[in-house]
Amino acid sequence: MNRRRQRGAASVEFYIVSLLVLLPLVMAILQLGMLFVAKNTLNHATFMAARAGSMANGSRGVMLNYLAKGLVPLYARTTDPIDSGNLVQVVAPAFAQARLDVALPIRTRLEILNPTRASFRDFEVRQNGVVQIPNDNLQFRRANGASSRQSIQEANLLKIRVDYCYQLIFPLIDDLIIGVLRFSDTSLFHQACYADNRVPISAWALVHMQSAPRRSEMGALN
């Protein structure tokens, strides 16, 4: 009888340990896996945004729109394969939610790192009634900027950084991850993410401009 009771007690102890240790561990692994997928998705979305912006004079609005399109997989909610029958029902609300989050400054920040304000001071001219940095015949232009210390070819590189607040979904694990990350993070934007129960992730993209950079389209610059 004592051995049976000991075996029964050992089984109960195992289940308790499994509940308190193994289950949170599995949840943490799943959450970190989803965070890795979100980072790859943001990398691709940021490249899509930069490529679209390069063809639209560096338009911040165009880049935000394409960024939202690239983030749609993070918002799609369905257990069925996406096909022509349910495409609109799944993708439309996902894009609407992604566009909303991208438009909120506390959830998404898109910075244009290049061209800079100094780039425009050095190279912008009026062409066909529009003030812009020339983008044509770059191989024959030899101008170098005194303020930016760039060549005009370097001024025609579009570099952006996107910071995005990703929402964690596993209870308890989200508090643990956020509590660890926010302890040594001094960024105000990141702290706003943590306060919203989200984790900040970042991505960069660098592309050649396919149209003339226009400061009026880019908004705030470094």
C-alpha atoms as a PDB file:
ATOM      1  CA  MET A   1       0.000   0.000   0.000  1.00  0.00           C
ATOM      2  CA  ASN A   2       2.821   2.420   0.868  1.00  0.00           C
ATOM      3  CA  ARG A   3       4.489   1.892  -2.510  1.00  0.00           C
ATOM      4  CA  ARG A   4       1.205   2.522  -4.327  1.00  0.00           C
ATOM      5  CA  ARG A   5       0.684   5.681  -2.332  1.00  0.00           C
ATOM      6  CA  GLN A   6       4.216   6.815  -3.113  1.00  0.00           C
ATOM      7  CA  ARG A   7       3.685   6.182  -6.815  1.00  0.00           C
ATOM      8  CA  GLY A   8       0.430   8.115  -6.676  1.00  0.00           C
ATOM      9  CA  ALA A   9       2.106  10.994  -4.870  1.00  0.00           C
ATOM     10  CA  ALA A  10       4.912  11.010  -7.442  1.00  0.00           C
ATOM     11  CA  SER A  11       2.353  11.228 -10.242  1.00  0.00           C
ATOM     12  CA  VAL A  12       0.644  14.179  -8.602  1.00  0.00           C
ATOM     13  CA  GLU A  13       4.005  15.906  -8.131  1.00  0.00           C
ATOM     14  CA  PHE A  14       4.872  15.322 -11.783  1.00  0.00           C
ATOM     15  CA  TYR A  15       1.601  16.879 -12.948  1.00  0.00           C
ATOM     16  CA  ILE A  16       2.144  19.885 -10.686  1.00  0.00           C
ATOM     17  CA  VAL A  17       5.687  20.379 -11.974  1.00  0.00           C
ATOM     18  CA  SER A  18       4.446  20.008 -15.552  1.00  0.00           C
ATOM     19  CA  LEU A  19       1.780  22.630 -14.965  1.00  0.00           C
ATOM     20  CA  LEU A  20       4.056  25.129 -13.246  1.00  0.00           C
ATOM     21  CA  VAL A  21       7.250  24.626 -15.278  1.00  0.00           C
ATOM     22  CA  LEU A  22       6.783  22.763 -18.533  1.00  0.00           C
ATOM     23  CA  LEU A  23       3.609  24.516 -19.674  1.00  0.00           C
ATOM     24  CA  PRO A  24       5.049  28.045 -19.259  1.00  0.00           C
ATOM     25  CA  LEU A  25       8.237  26.867 -20.958  1.00  0.00           C
ATOM     26  CA  VAL A  26       6.310  25.582 -23.973  1.00  0.00           C
ATOM     27  CA  MET A  27       4.304  28.809 -24.121  1.00  0.00           C
ATOM     28  CA  ALA A  28       7.504  30.856 -23.982  1.00  0.00           C
ATOM     29  CA  ILE A  29       9.040  28.863 -26.843  1.00  0.00           C
ATOM     30  CA  LEU A  30       5.913  29.323 -28.953  1.00  0.00           C
ATOM     31  CA  GLN A  31       5.794  33.040 -28.215  1.00  0.00           C
ATOM     32  CA  LEU A  32       9.458  33.521 -29.118  1.00  0.00           C
ATOM     33  CA  GLY A  33       8.853  31.580 -32.338  1.00  0.00           C
ATOM     34  CA  MET A  34       5.966  33.883 -33.219  1.00  0.00           C
ATOM     35  CA  LEU A  35       8.140  36.891 -32.409  1.00  0.00           C
ATOM     36  CA  PHE A  36      10.771  35.580 -34.838  1.00  0.00           C
ATOM     37  CA  VAL A  37       8.108  35.246 -37.543  1.00  0.00           C
ATOM     38  CA  ALA A  38       6.909  38.791 -36.804  1.00  0.00           C
ATOM     39  CA  LYS A  39      10.473  40.110 -37.180  1.00  0.00           C
ATOM     40  CA  ASN A  40      10.852  38.430 -40.590  1.00  0.00           C
ATOM     41  CA  THR A  41       7.474  39.794 -41.641  1.00  0.00           C
ATOM     42  CA  LEU A  42       8.499  43.301 -40.584  1.00  0.00           C
ATOM     43  CA  ASN A  43      11.783  42.964 -42.501  1.00  0.00           C
ATOM     44  CA  HIS A  44       9.882  42.154 -45.684  1.00  0.00           C
ATOM     45  CA  ALA A  45       7.253  44.845 -45.089  1.00  0.00           C
ATOM     46  CA  THR A  46       9.963  47.458 -44.529  1.00  0.00           C
ATOM     47  CA  PHE A  47      11.660  46.518 -47.791  1.00  0.00           C
ATOM     48  CA  MET A  48       8.308  46.726 -49.590  1.00  0.00           C
ATOM     49  CA  ALA A  49       7.764  50.181 -48.104  1.00  0.00           C
ATOM     50  CA  ALA A  50      11.213  51.425 -49.145  1.00  0.00           C
ATOM     51  CA  ARG A  51      10.876  50.049 -52.673  1.00  0.00           C
ATOM     52  CA  ALA A  52       7.469  51.711 -53.101  1.00  0.00           C
ATOM     53  CA  GLY A  53       8.817  54.962 -51.674  1.00  0.00           C
ATOM     54  CA  SER A  54      11.768  54.917 -54.059  1.00  0.00           C
ATOM     55  CA  MET A  55       9.329  55.030 -56.978  1.00  0.00           C
ATOM     56  CA  ALA A  56       7.148  57.744 -55.423  1.00  0.00           C
ATOM     57  CA  ASN A  57       9.700  60.488 -54.676  1.00  0.00           C
ATOM     58  CA  GLY A  58      10.154  59.144 -51.149  1.00  0.00           C
ATOM     59  CA  SER A  59       6.504  59.663 -50.231  1.00  0.00           C
ATOM     60  CA  ARG A  60       5.981  58.838 -46.559  1.00  0.00           C
ATOM     61  CA  GLY A  61       2.273  58.162 -47.178  1.00  0.00           C
ATOM     62  CA  VAL A  62       3.031  55.614 -49.888  1.00  0.00           C
ATOM     63  CA  MET A  63       5.605  53.890 -47.678  1.00  0.00           C
ATOM     64  CA  LEU A  64       3.176  53.639 -44.761  1.00  0.00           C
ATOM     65  CA  ASN A  65       0.546  52.153 -47.037  1.00  0.00           C
ATOM     66  CA  TYR A  66       2.902  49.469 -48.354  1.00  0.00           C
ATOM     67  CA  LEU A  67       4.204  48.826 -44.864  1.00  0.00           C
ATOM     68  CA  ALA A  68       0.643  48.015 -43.792  1.00  0.00           C
ATOM     69  CA  LYS A  69       0.236  45.695 -46.786  1.00  0.00           C
ATOM     70  CA  GLY A  70       3.384  43.830 -45.812  1.00  0.00           C
ATOM     71  CA  LEU A  71       2.162  43.427 -42.221  1.00  0.00           C
ATOM     72  CA  VAL A  72      -1.188  41.893 -43.217  1.00  0.00           C
ATOM     73  CA  PRO A  73      -0.027  38.300 -42.406  1.00  0.00           C
ATOM     74  CA  LEU A  74       0.299  39.324 -38.747  1.00  0.00           C
ATOM     75  CA  TYR A  75      -3.375  40.332 -38.660  1.00  0.00           C
ATOM     76  CA  ALA A  76      -5.043  37.625 -40.759  1.00  0.00           C
ATOM     77  CA  ARG A  77      -7.298  35.487 -38.550  1.00  0.00           C
ATOM     78  CA  THR A  78      -8.455  32.253 -40.128  1.00  0.00           C
ATOM     79  CA  THR A  79      -7.932  28.518 -39.685  1.00  0.00           C
ATOM     80  CA  ASP A  80      -8.827  27.814 -43.321  1.00  0.00           C
ATOM     81  CA  PRO A  81      -6.495  28.131 -46.305  1.00  0.00           C
ATOM     82  CA  ILE A  82      -6.830  31.524 -47.993  1.00  0.00           C
ATOM     83  CA  ASP A  83      -8.246  31.219 -51.500  1.00  0.00           C
ATOM     84  CA  SER A  84     -10.398  33.228 -53.882  1.00  0.00           C
ATOM     85  CA  GLY A  85     -13.488  32.306 -51.898  1.00  0.00           C
ATOM     86  CA  ASN A  86     -12.440  33.881 -48.602  1.00  0.00           C
ATOM     87  CA  LEU A  87      -9.708  36.279 -49.728  1.00  0.00           C
ATOM     88  CA  VAL A  88     -11.730  39.452 -49.266  1.00  0.00           C
ATOM     89  CA  GLN A  89     -13.262  38.355 -45.954  1.00  0.00           C
ATOM     90  CA  VAL A  90      -9.827  37.589 -44.464  1.00  0.00           C
ATOM     91  CA  VAL A  91      -7.510  40.136 -46.040  1.00  0.00           C
ATOM     92  CA  ALA A  92      -9.737  43.239 -45.983  1.00  0.00           C
ATOM     93  CA  PRO A  93     -10.185  43.432 -42.191  1.00  0.00           C
ATOM     94  CA  ALA A  94      -6.536  42.422 -41.680  1.00  0.00           C
ATOM     95  CA  PHE A  95      -5.341  45.278 -43.883  1.00  0.00           C
ATOM     96  CA  ALA A  96      -7.725  47.736 -42.186  1.00  0.00           C
ATOM     97  CA  GLN A  97      -6.317  46.818 -38.773  1.00  0.00           C
ATOM     98  CA  ALA A  98      -2.720  46.914 -40.014  1.00  0.00           C
ATOM     99  CA  ARG A  99      -3.307  50.329 -41.600  1.00  0.00           C
ATOM    100  CA  LEU A 100      -4.747  51.603 -38.333  1.00  0.00           C
ATOM    101  CA  ASP A 101      -1.756  50.406 -36.301  1.00  0.00           C
ATOM    102  CA  VAL A 102       0.700  51.794 -38.842  1.00  0.00           C
ATOM    103  CA  ALA A 103      -1.002  55.198 -38.647  1.00  0.00           C
ATOM    104  CA  LEU A 104      -0.759  55.341 -34.832  1.00  0.00           C
ATOM    105  CA  PRO A 105       2.512  57.005 -33.735  1.00  0.00           C
ATOM    106  CA  ILE A 106       2.526  55.007 -30.487  1.00  0.00           C
ATOM    107  CA  ARG A 107       2.536  51.713 -32.404  1.00  0.00           C
ATOM    108  CA  THR A 108       4.590  52.368 -35.527  1.00  0.00           C
ATOM    109  CA  ARG A 109       7.408  54.771 -36.272  1.00  0.00           C
ATOM    110  CA  LEU A 110       8.887  55.176 -39.752  1.00  0.00           C
ATOM    111  CA  GLU A 111      12.107  57.195 -39.887  1.00  0.00           C
ATOM    112  CA  ILE A 112      13.759  58.340 -43.096  1.00  0.00           C
ATOM    113  CA  LEU A 113      17.482  58.135 -42.344  1.00  0.00           C
ATOM    114  CA  ASN A 114      18.634  59.124 -45.842  1.00  0.00           C
ATOM    115  CA  PRO A 115      18.440  61.487 -47.633  1.00  0.00           C
ATOM    116  CA  THR A 116      18.875  63.908 -44.742  1.00  0.00           C
ATOM    117  CA  ARG A 117      18.079  67.588 -44.398  1.00  0.00           C
ATOM    118  CA  ALA A 118      21.741  68.258 -45.187  1.00  0.00           C
ATOM    119  CA  SER A 119      21.371  66.229 -48.405  1.00  0.00           C
ATOM    120  CA  PHE A 120      18.586  68.526 -49.550  1.00  0.00           C
ATOM    121  CA  ARG A 121      20.530  71.659 -48.584  1.00  0.00           C
ATOM    122  CA  ASP A 122      23.392  70.482 -50.759  1.00  0.00           C
ATOM    123  CA  PHE A 123      21.626  69.102 -53.810  1.00  0.00           C
ATOM    124  CA  GLU A 124      17.985  70.131 -54.197  1.00  0.00           C
ATOM    125  CA  VAL A 125      17.171  72.217 -57.268  1.00  0.00           C
ATOM    126  CA  ARG A 126      14.025  73.256 -59.069  1.00  0.00           C
ATOM    127  CA  GLN A 127      13.227  70.963 -61.984  1.00  0.00           C
ATOM    128  CA  ASN A 128      10.063  71.388 -64.026  1.00  0.00           C
ATOM    129  CA  GLY A 129       8.582  73.559 -61.323  1.00  0.00           C
ATOM    130  CA  VAL A 130       9.299  71.063 -58.508  1.00  0.00           C
ATOM    131  CA  VAL A 131      12.049  71.309 -55.865  1.00  0.00           C
ATOM    132  CA  GLN A 132      13.881  67.969 -55.649  1.00  0.00           C
ATOM    133  CA  ILE A 133      17.253  66.249 -55.703  1.00  0.00           C
ATOM    134  CA  PRO A 134      18.109  65.342 -59.320  1.00  0.00           C
ATOM    135  CA  ASN A 135      17.805  61.654 -60.057  1.00  0.00           C
ATOM    136  CA  ASP A 136      18.701  61.600 -63.736  1.00  0.00           C
ATOM    137  CA  ASN A 137      22.110  61.002 -65.340  1.00  0.00           C
ATOM    138  CA  LEU A 138      23.714  60.317 -61.967  1.00  0.00           C
ATOM    139  CA  GLN A 139      26.729  58.667 -63.572  1.00  0.00           C
ATOM    140  CA  PHE A 140      27.682  62.049 -65.071  1.00  0.00           C
ATOM    141  CA  ARG A 141      27.111  64.150 -61.949  1.00  0.00           C
ATOM    142  CA  ARG A 142      30.176  64.767 -59.817  1.00  0.00           C
ATOM    143  CA  ALA A 143      28.769  67.138 -57.200  1.00  0.00           C
ATOM    144  CA  ASN A 144      29.733  66.627 -53.559  1.00  0.00           C
ATOM    145  CA  GLY A 145      27.894  68.236 -50.671  1.00  0.00           C
ATOM    146  CA  ALA A 146      29.572  70.489 -48.130  1.00  0.00           C
ATOM    147  CA  SER A 147      26.886  70.018 -45.454  1.00  0.00           C
ATOM    148  CA  SER A 148      26.065  66.327 -45.931  1.00  0.00           C
ATOM    149  CA  ARG A 149      29.546  65.220 -47.053  1.00  0.00           C
ATOM    150  CA  GLN A 150      27.773  63.023 -49.545  1.00  0.00           C
ATOM    151  CA  SER A 151      27.955  62.589 -53.266  1.00  0.00           C
ATOM    152  CA  ILE A 152      24.746  63.144 -55.164  1.00  0.00           C
ATOM    153  CA  GLN A 153      24.650  59.388 -55.766  1.00  0.00           C
ATOM    154  CA  GLU A 154      24.626  58.809 -51.996  1.00  0.00           C
ATOM    155  CA  ALA A 155      21.896  61.412 -51.610  1.00  0.00           C
ATOM    156  CA  ASN A 156      19.795  59.272 -53.952  1.00  0.00           C
ATOM    157  CA  LEU A 157      19.831  56.332 -51.563  1.00  0.00           C
ATOM    158  CA  LEU A 158      16.635  55.875 -49.575  1.00  0.00           C
ATOM    159  CA  LYS A 159      17.270  54.410 -46.135  1.00  0.00           C
ATOM    160  CA  ILE A 160      14.434  53.899 -43.682  1.00  0.00           C
ATOM    161  CA  ARG A 161      13.977  52.408 -40.235  1.00  0.00           C
ATOM    162  CA  VAL A 162      10.691  51.055 -38.929  1.00  0.00           C
ATOM    163  CA  ASP A 163       9.940  50.475 -35.250  1.00  0.00           C
ATOM    164  CA  TYR A 164       6.788  48.432 -34.716  1.00  0.00           C
ATOM    165  CA  CYS A 165       5.000  47.412 -31.531  1.00  0.00           C
ATOM    166  CA  TYR A 166       4.147  43.716 -31.797  1.00  0.00           C
ATOM    167  CA  GLN A 167       1.358  42.385 -29.600  1.00  0.00           C
ATOM    168  CA  LEU A 168       2.156  39.277 -27.565  1.00  0.00           C
ATOM    169  CA  ILE A 169      -0.667  36.757 -27.210  1.00  0.00           C
ATOM    170  CA  PHE A 170       0.313  34.288 -24.487  1.00  0.00           C
ATOM    171  CA  PRO A 171      -0.781  35.310 -20.975  1.00  0.00           C
ATOM    172  CA  LEU A 172       1.802  35.414 -18.189  1.00  0.00           C
ATOM    173  CA  ILE A 173       4.573  34.988 -20.753  1.00  0.00           C
ATOM    174  CA  ASP A 174       3.827  38.439 -22.150  1.00  0.00           C
ATOM    175  CA  ASP A 175       4.270  40.024 -18.729  1.00  0.00           C
ATOM    176  CA  LEU A 176       7.516  38.116 -18.191  1.00  0.00           C
ATOM    177  CA  ILE A 177       9.045  39.115 -21.537  1.00  0.00           C
ATOM    178  CA  ILE A 178       7.931  42.739 -21.229  1.00  0.00           C
ATOM    179  CA  GLY A 179       9.168  42.956 -17.645  1.00  0.00           C
ATOM    180  CA  VAL A 180      12.637  41.748 -18.664  1.00  0.00           C
ATOM    181  CA  LEU A 181      12.939  43.971 -21.749  1.00  0.00           C
ATOM    182  CA  ARG A 182      11.634  47.218 -20.295  1.00  0.00           C
ATOM    183  CA  PHE A 183      14.040  47.116 -17.349  1.00  0.00           C
ATOM    184  CA  SER A 184      17.065  48.431 -19.279  1.00  0.00           C
ATOM    185  CA  ASP A 185      15.335  50.068 -22.281  1.00  0.00           C
ATOM    186  CA  THR A 186      15.491  53.875 -22.216  1.00  0.00           C
ATOM    187  CA  SER A 187      13.679  54.559 -25.519  1.00  0.00           C
ATOM    188  CA  LEU A 188      10.443  56.510 -25.000  1.00  0.00           C
ATOM    189  CA  PHE A 189       8.859  54.825 -28.021  1.00  0.00           C
ATOM    190  CA  HIS A 190       9.781  51.381 -26.697  1.00  0.00           C
ATOM    191  CA  GLN A 191       8.457  52.203 -23.245  1.00  0.00           C
ATOM    192  CA  ALA A 192       5.142  53.192 -24.854  1.00  0.00           C
ATOM    193  CA  CYS A 193       5.098  49.772 -26.539  1.00  0.00           C
ATOM    194  CA  TYR A 194       5.623  48.015 -23.222  1.00  0.00           C
ATOM    195  CA  ALA A 195       2.886  50.071 -21.586  1.00  0.00           C
ATOM    196  CA  ASP A 196       0.543  48.886 -24.367  1.00  0.00           C
ATOM    197  CA  ASN A 197       1.484  45.246 -23.621  1.00  0.00           C
ATOM    198  CA  ARG A 198       3.527  45.050 -26.823  1.00  0.00           C
ATOM    199  CA  VAL A 199       7.148  44.420 -27.719  1.00  0.00           C
ATOM    200  CA  PRO A 200       9.100  46.755 -30.043  1.00  0.00           C
ATOM    201  CA  ILE A 201      10.800  45.220 -33.067  1.00  0.00           C
ATOM    202  CA  SER A 202      12.805  47.107 -35.681  1.00  0.00           C
ATOM    203  CA  ALA A 203      13.823  46.731 -39.316  1.00  0.00           C
ATOM    204  CA  TRP A 204      15.894  48.686 -41.821  1.00  0.00           C
ATOM    205  CA  ALA A 205      15.889  48.913 -45.615  1.00  0.00           C
ATOM    206  CA  LEU A 206      18.197  50.608 -48.119  1.00  0.00           C
ATOM    207  CA  VAL A 207      17.289  51.026 -51.807  1.00  0.00           C
ATOM    208  CA  HIS A 208      18.279  53.218 -54.738  1.00  0.00           C
ATOM    209  CA  MET A 209      15.799  55.976 -55.516  1.00  0.00           C
ATOM    210  CA  GLN A 210      13.979  55.334 -58.788  1.00  0.00           C
ATOM    211  CA  SER A 211      12.509  58.837 -58.791  1.00  0.00           C
ATOM    212  CA  ALA A 212      13.748  62.230 -57.627  1.00  0.00           C
ATOM    213  CA  PRO A 213      13.688  62.657 -53.817  1.00  0.00           C
ATOM    214  CA  ARG A 214      11.332  65.424 -52.724  1.00  0.00           C
ATOM    215  CA  ARG A 215      11.463  66.851 -49.236  1.00  0.00           C
ATOM    216  CA  SER A 216       7.788  67.828 -49.469  1.00  0.00           C
ATOM    217  CA  GLU A 217       6.874  64.137 -49.815  1.00  0.00           C
ATOM    218  CA  MET A 218       9.134  62.834 -47.053  1.00  0.00           C
ATOM    219  CA  GLY A 219       8.044  64.960 -44.127  1.00  0.00           C
ATOM    220  CA  ALA A 220      10.319  65.050 -41.076  1.00  0.00           C
ATOM    221  CA  LEU A 221      13.960  64.197 -41.784  1.00  0.00           C
ATOM    222  CA  ASN A 222      17.057  63.677 -39.661  1.00  0.00           C
END
